[in-house]
Amino acid sequence: MNSANILKDVTYGDKKPSISVLLETSTSKEIRIVFDTGQYMKKHQTPHPITVEMVEGNLDFGVEDGVHQLIKGDILSLDGGVPHDLLAKSKCIVRLTLTKADTLQRVEDVVRL
C-alpha cells in the first residue's frame, strides 16, 4: 500500500509552479503541482493520457482553441498529443496523474523559465 497527503508540506515557488511526486503505483505517478496566483505552465503536450484534478483554487486550462475555467473539485482527462496550457487565477493545488511510462522530468521541463 502507498499513501500520501496532497495538502501536507505545500510550498509555493517564487517564480514558477512547484512540482513534487506524491506517490507511484505499478501503473501511474501522482504528481502535485502548486501554483501561486499568476503562475503559468506554457503550452505543451504529453505523449500519454493524463488526468487533472483541482484540489484547491481555480485556473484557466487552455486546450486547443478554448479555455476551461477549473475550480476546486473539477476533474478532467486529456488524451496524449493534445496541446494545453495552465494559468493560475488564484493559489492552486493540482493533482496530475501520469502513466508510469511518462516522466516527472518532462513536467519539470515545462515549467522552466
N, C-alpha and C. Protein backbone atom coordinates (compact mmCIF):
# COMPACT_ATOMS: atom_id res chain seq x y z
N MET A 1 0.84 -1.19 0.00
CA MET A 1 0.00 0.00 0.00
C MET A 1 0.88 1.24 0.00
N ASN A 2 0.50 2.23 -0.78
CA ASN A 2 1.14 3.54 -0.80
C ASN A 2 0.13 4.57 -0.33
N SER A 3 0.62 5.61 0.34
CA SER A 3 -0.29 6.68 0.73
C SER A 3 0.46 8.01 0.73
N ALA A 4 -0.30 9.08 0.58
CA ALA A 4 0.26 10.43 0.59
C ALA A 4 -0.85 11.39 0.97
N ASN A 5 -0.47 12.60 1.35
CA ASN A 5 -1.43 13.65 1.65
C ASN A 5 -1.09 14.85 0.77
N ILE A 6 -1.96 15.16 -0.15
CA ILE A 6 -1.71 16.23 -1.12
C ILE A 6 -1.66 17.61 -0.47
N LEU A 7 -2.22 17.76 0.74
CA LEU A 7 -2.25 19.05 1.42
C LEU A 7 -1.12 19.23 2.43
N LYS A 8 -0.29 18.23 2.62
CA LYS A 8 0.79 18.29 3.60
C LYS A 8 2.06 18.85 2.94
N ASP A 9 2.75 19.73 3.67
CA ASP A 9 4.02 20.30 3.22
C ASP A 9 3.92 21.00 1.87
N VAL A 10 2.87 21.77 1.67
CA VAL A 10 2.68 22.52 0.43
C VAL A 10 3.62 23.72 0.43
N THR A 11 4.38 23.88 -0.64
CA THR A 11 5.25 25.05 -0.78
C THR A 11 5.01 25.68 -2.15
N TYR A 12 5.01 27.00 -2.18
CA TYR A 12 4.80 27.75 -3.42
C TYR A 12 6.14 28.24 -3.94
N GLY A 13 6.39 28.03 -5.22
CA GLY A 13 7.62 28.52 -5.84
C GLY A 13 7.56 30.02 -6.03
N ASP A 14 8.70 30.69 -5.97
CA ASP A 14 8.75 32.14 -6.13
C ASP A 14 8.36 32.58 -7.54
N LYS A 15 8.89 31.90 -8.56
CA LYS A 15 8.68 32.34 -9.92
C LYS A 15 7.96 31.32 -10.79
N LYS A 16 7.93 30.09 -10.36
CA LYS A 16 7.31 29.04 -11.17
C LYS A 16 6.58 28.04 -10.27
N PRO A 17 5.67 27.28 -10.85
CA PRO A 17 4.96 26.28 -10.05
C PRO A 17 5.92 25.28 -9.41
N SER A 18 5.54 24.78 -8.26
CA SER A 18 6.31 23.78 -7.53
C SER A 18 5.74 22.40 -7.86
N ILE A 19 6.61 21.47 -8.22
CA ILE A 19 6.19 20.13 -8.65
C ILE A 19 6.82 19.09 -7.75
N SER A 20 6.00 18.13 -7.29
CA SER A 20 6.54 17.03 -6.49
C SER A 20 5.76 15.75 -6.75
N VAL A 21 6.46 14.64 -6.62
CA VAL A 21 5.81 13.33 -6.75
C VAL A 21 5.20 12.98 -5.41
N LEU A 22 3.90 12.67 -5.41
CA LEU A 22 3.23 12.25 -4.18
C LEU A 22 3.43 10.76 -3.95
N LEU A 23 3.21 9.98 -5.00
CA LEU A 23 3.43 8.55 -4.92
C LEU A 23 3.41 7.92 -6.31
N GLU A 24 3.96 6.73 -6.39
CA GLU A 24 3.94 5.96 -7.63
C GLU A 24 3.28 4.62 -7.36
N THR A 25 2.52 4.16 -8.35
CA THR A 25 1.94 2.83 -8.29
C THR A 25 2.55 2.01 -9.43
N SER A 26 2.08 0.82 -9.61
CA SER A 26 2.61 -0.01 -10.70
C SER A 26 2.18 0.51 -12.07
N THR A 27 1.16 1.39 -12.11
CA THR A 27 0.67 1.88 -13.40
C THR A 27 0.68 3.40 -13.54
N SER A 28 0.87 4.14 -12.44
CA SER A 28 0.75 5.60 -12.53
C SER A 28 1.70 6.32 -11.59
N LYS A 29 1.80 7.64 -11.83
CA LYS A 29 2.52 8.55 -10.95
C LYS A 29 1.55 9.65 -10.57
N GLU A 30 1.45 9.95 -9.30
CA GLU A 30 0.59 11.02 -8.79
C GLU A 30 1.48 12.20 -8.45
N ILE A 31 1.26 13.30 -9.17
CA ILE A 31 2.10 14.49 -9.06
C ILE A 31 1.28 15.63 -8.46
N ARG A 32 1.91 16.41 -7.57
CA ARG A 32 1.28 17.63 -7.05
C ARG A 32 1.95 18.82 -7.73
N ILE A 33 1.13 19.71 -8.30
CA ILE A 33 1.63 20.96 -8.86
C ILE A 33 0.98 22.08 -8.06
N VAL A 34 1.83 22.94 -7.47
CA VAL A 34 1.37 24.04 -6.64
C VAL A 34 1.67 25.34 -7.38
N PHE A 35 0.62 26.11 -7.65
CA PHE A 35 0.74 27.38 -8.36
C PHE A 35 0.47 28.53 -7.41
N ASP A 36 1.26 29.58 -7.50
CA ASP A 36 0.90 30.84 -6.87
C ASP A 36 0.08 31.62 -7.90
N THR A 37 -0.67 32.59 -7.46
CA THR A 37 -1.51 33.39 -8.36
C THR A 37 -0.67 33.95 -9.51
N GLY A 38 -1.15 33.75 -10.73
CA GLY A 38 -0.49 34.29 -11.91
C GLY A 38 0.57 33.39 -12.53
N GLN A 39 0.95 32.33 -11.84
CA GLN A 39 1.95 31.43 -12.43
C GLN A 39 1.35 30.66 -13.59
N TYR A 40 2.22 30.27 -14.51
CA TYR A 40 1.79 29.76 -15.81
C TYR A 40 2.61 28.54 -16.21
N MET A 41 1.97 27.58 -16.81
CA MET A 41 2.66 26.48 -17.49
C MET A 41 2.41 26.67 -18.97
N LYS A 42 3.49 26.88 -19.72
CA LYS A 42 3.39 27.17 -21.15
C LYS A 42 2.73 26.02 -21.90
N LYS A 43 2.29 26.33 -23.10
CA LYS A 43 1.64 25.33 -23.94
C LYS A 43 2.58 24.15 -24.16
N HIS A 44 2.06 22.96 -23.92
CA HIS A 44 2.83 21.73 -24.08
C HIS A 44 1.86 20.60 -24.37
N GLN A 45 2.40 19.42 -24.64
CA GLN A 45 1.56 18.25 -24.83
C GLN A 45 2.26 17.05 -24.22
N THR A 46 1.48 16.05 -23.89
CA THR A 46 2.01 14.86 -23.26
C THR A 46 2.00 13.71 -24.26
N PRO A 47 2.91 12.77 -24.11
CA PRO A 47 2.89 11.62 -25.01
C PRO A 47 1.80 10.61 -24.65
N HIS A 48 1.28 10.73 -23.44
CA HIS A 48 0.30 9.76 -22.92
C HIS A 48 -0.91 10.51 -22.33
N PRO A 49 -2.03 9.84 -22.14
CA PRO A 49 -3.18 10.48 -21.49
C PRO A 49 -2.83 10.93 -20.06
N ILE A 50 -3.51 11.99 -19.61
CA ILE A 50 -3.34 12.49 -18.25
C ILE A 50 -4.72 12.73 -17.63
N THR A 51 -4.73 12.82 -16.29
CA THR A 51 -5.91 13.25 -15.55
C THR A 51 -5.49 14.39 -14.64
N VAL A 52 -6.29 15.44 -14.60
CA VAL A 52 -6.01 16.62 -13.79
C VAL A 52 -7.17 16.83 -12.82
N GLU A 53 -6.85 17.01 -11.53
CA GLU A 53 -7.86 17.29 -10.51
C GLU A 53 -7.51 18.58 -9.80
N MET A 54 -8.46 19.50 -9.70
CA MET A 54 -8.28 20.73 -8.96
C MET A 54 -8.59 20.47 -7.49
N VAL A 55 -7.58 20.54 -6.65
CA VAL A 55 -7.74 20.29 -5.23
C VAL A 55 -8.09 21.59 -4.50
N GLU A 56 -7.43 22.67 -4.89
CA GLU A 56 -7.68 24.00 -4.31
C GLU A 56 -7.53 25.04 -5.41
N GLY A 57 -8.25 26.14 -5.29
CA GLY A 57 -8.08 27.28 -6.17
C GLY A 57 -8.83 27.17 -7.49
N ASN A 58 -8.44 28.03 -8.42
CA ASN A 58 -9.03 28.00 -9.76
C ASN A 58 -7.99 28.43 -10.78
N LEU A 59 -8.08 27.84 -11.95
CA LEU A 59 -7.15 28.18 -13.01
C LEU A 59 -7.82 28.08 -14.37
N ASP A 60 -7.19 28.71 -15.33
CA ASP A 60 -7.62 28.61 -16.73
C ASP A 60 -6.81 27.50 -17.38
N PHE A 61 -7.52 26.52 -17.91
CA PHE A 61 -6.89 25.38 -18.59
C PHE A 61 -7.17 25.56 -20.07
N GLY A 62 -6.15 26.00 -20.79
CA GLY A 62 -6.30 26.21 -22.22
C GLY A 62 -6.07 24.91 -22.97
N VAL A 63 -7.00 24.55 -23.81
CA VAL A 63 -6.86 23.34 -24.62
C VAL A 63 -7.40 23.62 -26.01
N GLU A 64 -6.60 23.27 -27.00
CA GLU A 64 -6.93 23.57 -28.39
C GLU A 64 -7.25 25.05 -28.51
N ASP A 65 -8.43 25.44 -28.95
CA ASP A 65 -8.73 26.86 -29.14
C ASP A 65 -9.62 27.44 -28.05
N GLY A 66 -9.76 26.73 -26.91
CA GLY A 66 -10.64 27.22 -25.86
C GLY A 66 -9.96 27.24 -24.51
N VAL A 67 -10.62 27.90 -23.55
CA VAL A 67 -10.14 27.95 -22.18
C VAL A 67 -11.24 27.44 -21.27
N HIS A 68 -10.89 26.49 -20.42
CA HIS A 68 -11.83 25.93 -19.45
C HIS A 68 -11.44 26.45 -18.08
N GLN A 69 -12.39 27.05 -17.38
CA GLN A 69 -12.13 27.55 -16.04
C GLN A 69 -12.36 26.42 -15.05
N LEU A 70 -11.27 25.95 -14.44
CA LEU A 70 -11.35 24.86 -13.48
C LEU A 70 -11.39 25.43 -12.07
N ILE A 71 -12.27 24.86 -11.25
CA ILE A 71 -12.39 25.25 -9.85
C ILE A 71 -12.23 24.01 -8.97
N LYS A 72 -12.09 24.24 -7.69
CA LYS A 72 -11.93 23.17 -6.71
C LYS A 72 -12.95 22.07 -6.97
N GLY A 73 -12.46 20.84 -7.07
CA GLY A 73 -13.33 19.69 -7.27
C GLY A 73 -13.43 19.23 -8.71
N ASP A 74 -13.05 20.08 -9.67
CA ASP A 74 -13.12 19.68 -11.08
C ASP A 74 -12.05 18.63 -11.40
N ILE A 75 -12.42 17.70 -12.26
CA ILE A 75 -11.50 16.67 -12.76
C ILE A 75 -11.68 16.61 -14.27
N LEU A 76 -10.55 16.53 -14.97
CA LEU A 76 -10.64 16.35 -16.42
C LEU A 76 -9.58 15.36 -16.86
N SER A 77 -9.83 14.76 -18.02
CA SER A 77 -8.84 13.88 -18.62
C SER A 77 -8.53 14.42 -20.00
N LEU A 78 -7.33 14.13 -20.45
CA LEU A 78 -6.87 14.64 -21.73
C LEU A 78 -6.05 13.55 -22.41
N ASP A 79 -6.34 13.31 -23.67
CA ASP A 79 -5.56 12.34 -24.43
C ASP A 79 -4.15 12.87 -24.66
N GLY A 80 -3.23 11.98 -24.90
CA GLY A 80 -1.88 12.37 -25.26
C GLY A 80 -1.89 13.13 -26.58
N GLY A 81 -0.91 14.00 -26.76
CA GLY A 81 -0.77 14.73 -28.00
C GLY A 81 -1.63 15.96 -28.15
N VAL A 82 -2.40 16.33 -27.11
CA VAL A 82 -3.28 17.49 -27.19
C VAL A 82 -2.59 18.69 -26.50
N PRO A 83 -2.28 19.75 -27.24
CA PRO A 83 -1.63 20.92 -26.64
C PRO A 83 -2.53 21.58 -25.59
N HIS A 84 -1.92 21.97 -24.48
CA HIS A 84 -2.66 22.64 -23.41
C HIS A 84 -1.71 23.52 -22.60
N ASP A 85 -2.28 24.51 -21.89
CA ASP A 85 -1.52 25.38 -21.01
C ASP A 85 -2.37 25.67 -19.78
N LEU A 86 -1.71 26.16 -18.71
CA LEU A 86 -2.41 26.41 -17.46
C LEU A 86 -2.00 27.77 -16.91
N LEU A 87 -2.97 28.54 -16.43
CA LEU A 87 -2.73 29.84 -15.81
C LEU A 87 -3.51 29.90 -14.50
N ALA A 88 -2.79 30.07 -13.39
CA ALA A 88 -3.41 30.12 -12.07
C ALA A 88 -4.09 31.46 -11.84
N LYS A 89 -5.38 31.44 -11.55
CA LYS A 89 -6.13 32.65 -11.25
C LYS A 89 -6.10 32.95 -9.74
N SER A 90 -5.67 31.97 -8.95
CA SER A 90 -5.52 32.09 -7.50
C SER A 90 -4.45 31.08 -7.09
N LYS A 91 -4.14 31.03 -5.81
CA LYS A 91 -3.26 29.96 -5.34
C LYS A 91 -3.95 28.63 -5.62
N CYS A 92 -3.23 27.68 -6.19
CA CYS A 92 -3.84 26.42 -6.62
C CYS A 92 -3.01 25.21 -6.21
N ILE A 93 -3.71 24.13 -5.94
CA ILE A 93 -3.08 22.83 -5.78
C ILE A 93 -3.76 21.91 -6.79
N VAL A 94 -2.93 21.32 -7.66
CA VAL A 94 -3.43 20.47 -8.74
C VAL A 94 -2.82 19.07 -8.58
N ARG A 95 -3.65 18.09 -8.73
CA ARG A 95 -3.17 16.69 -8.77
C ARG A 95 -3.14 16.26 -10.23
N LEU A 96 -1.98 15.81 -10.67
CA LEU A 96 -1.78 15.34 -12.04
C LEU A 96 -1.46 13.86 -11.99
N THR A 97 -2.24 13.07 -12.72
CA THR A 97 -1.98 11.63 -12.81
C THR A 97 -1.36 11.34 -14.16
N LEU A 98 -0.16 10.77 -14.12
CA LEU A 98 0.57 10.37 -15.32
C LEU A 98 0.62 8.86 -15.41
N THR A 99 0.74 8.35 -16.61
CA THR A 99 1.00 6.92 -16.75
C THR A 99 2.43 6.65 -16.30
N LYS A 100 2.70 5.44 -15.93
CA LYS A 100 4.03 5.06 -15.47
C LYS A 100 5.09 5.33 -16.55
N ALA A 101 4.70 5.26 -17.81
CA ALA A 101 5.65 5.48 -18.91
C ALA A 101 6.07 6.94 -19.04
N ASP A 102 5.31 7.86 -18.47
CA ASP A 102 5.63 9.28 -18.55
C ASP A 102 6.66 9.62 -17.47
N THR A 103 7.28 10.80 -17.58
CA THR A 103 8.34 11.14 -16.63
C THR A 103 8.08 12.47 -15.93
N LEU A 104 8.53 12.55 -14.70
CA LEU A 104 8.49 13.80 -13.94
C LEU A 104 9.36 14.85 -14.62
N GLN A 105 10.48 14.43 -15.18
CA GLN A 105 11.38 15.36 -15.85
C GLN A 105 10.68 16.13 -16.96
N ARG A 106 9.79 15.46 -17.70
CA ARG A 106 9.05 16.12 -18.77
C ARG A 106 8.19 17.24 -18.20
N VAL A 107 7.53 16.99 -17.07
CA VAL A 107 6.68 18.01 -16.44
C VAL A 107 7.56 19.16 -15.93
N GLU A 108 8.68 18.85 -15.30
CA GLU A 108 9.57 19.89 -14.81
C GLU A 108 10.11 20.76 -15.95
N ASP A 109 10.37 20.16 -17.10
CA ASP A 109 10.86 20.91 -18.24
C ASP A 109 9.85 21.94 -18.72
N VAL A 110 8.57 21.68 -18.55
CA VAL A 110 7.53 22.60 -19.00
C VAL A 110 7.54 23.88 -18.16
N VAL A 111 7.86 23.80 -16.87
CA VAL A 111 7.81 24.99 -16.00
C VAL A 111 9.11 25.77 -15.96
N ARG A 112 10.15 25.27 -16.59
CA ARG A 112 11.41 26.02 -16.60
C ARG A 112 11.21 27.34 -17.31
N LEU A 113 11.78 28.38 -16.74
CA LEU A 113 11.66 29.73 -17.33
C LEU A 113 12.68 29.93 -18.43
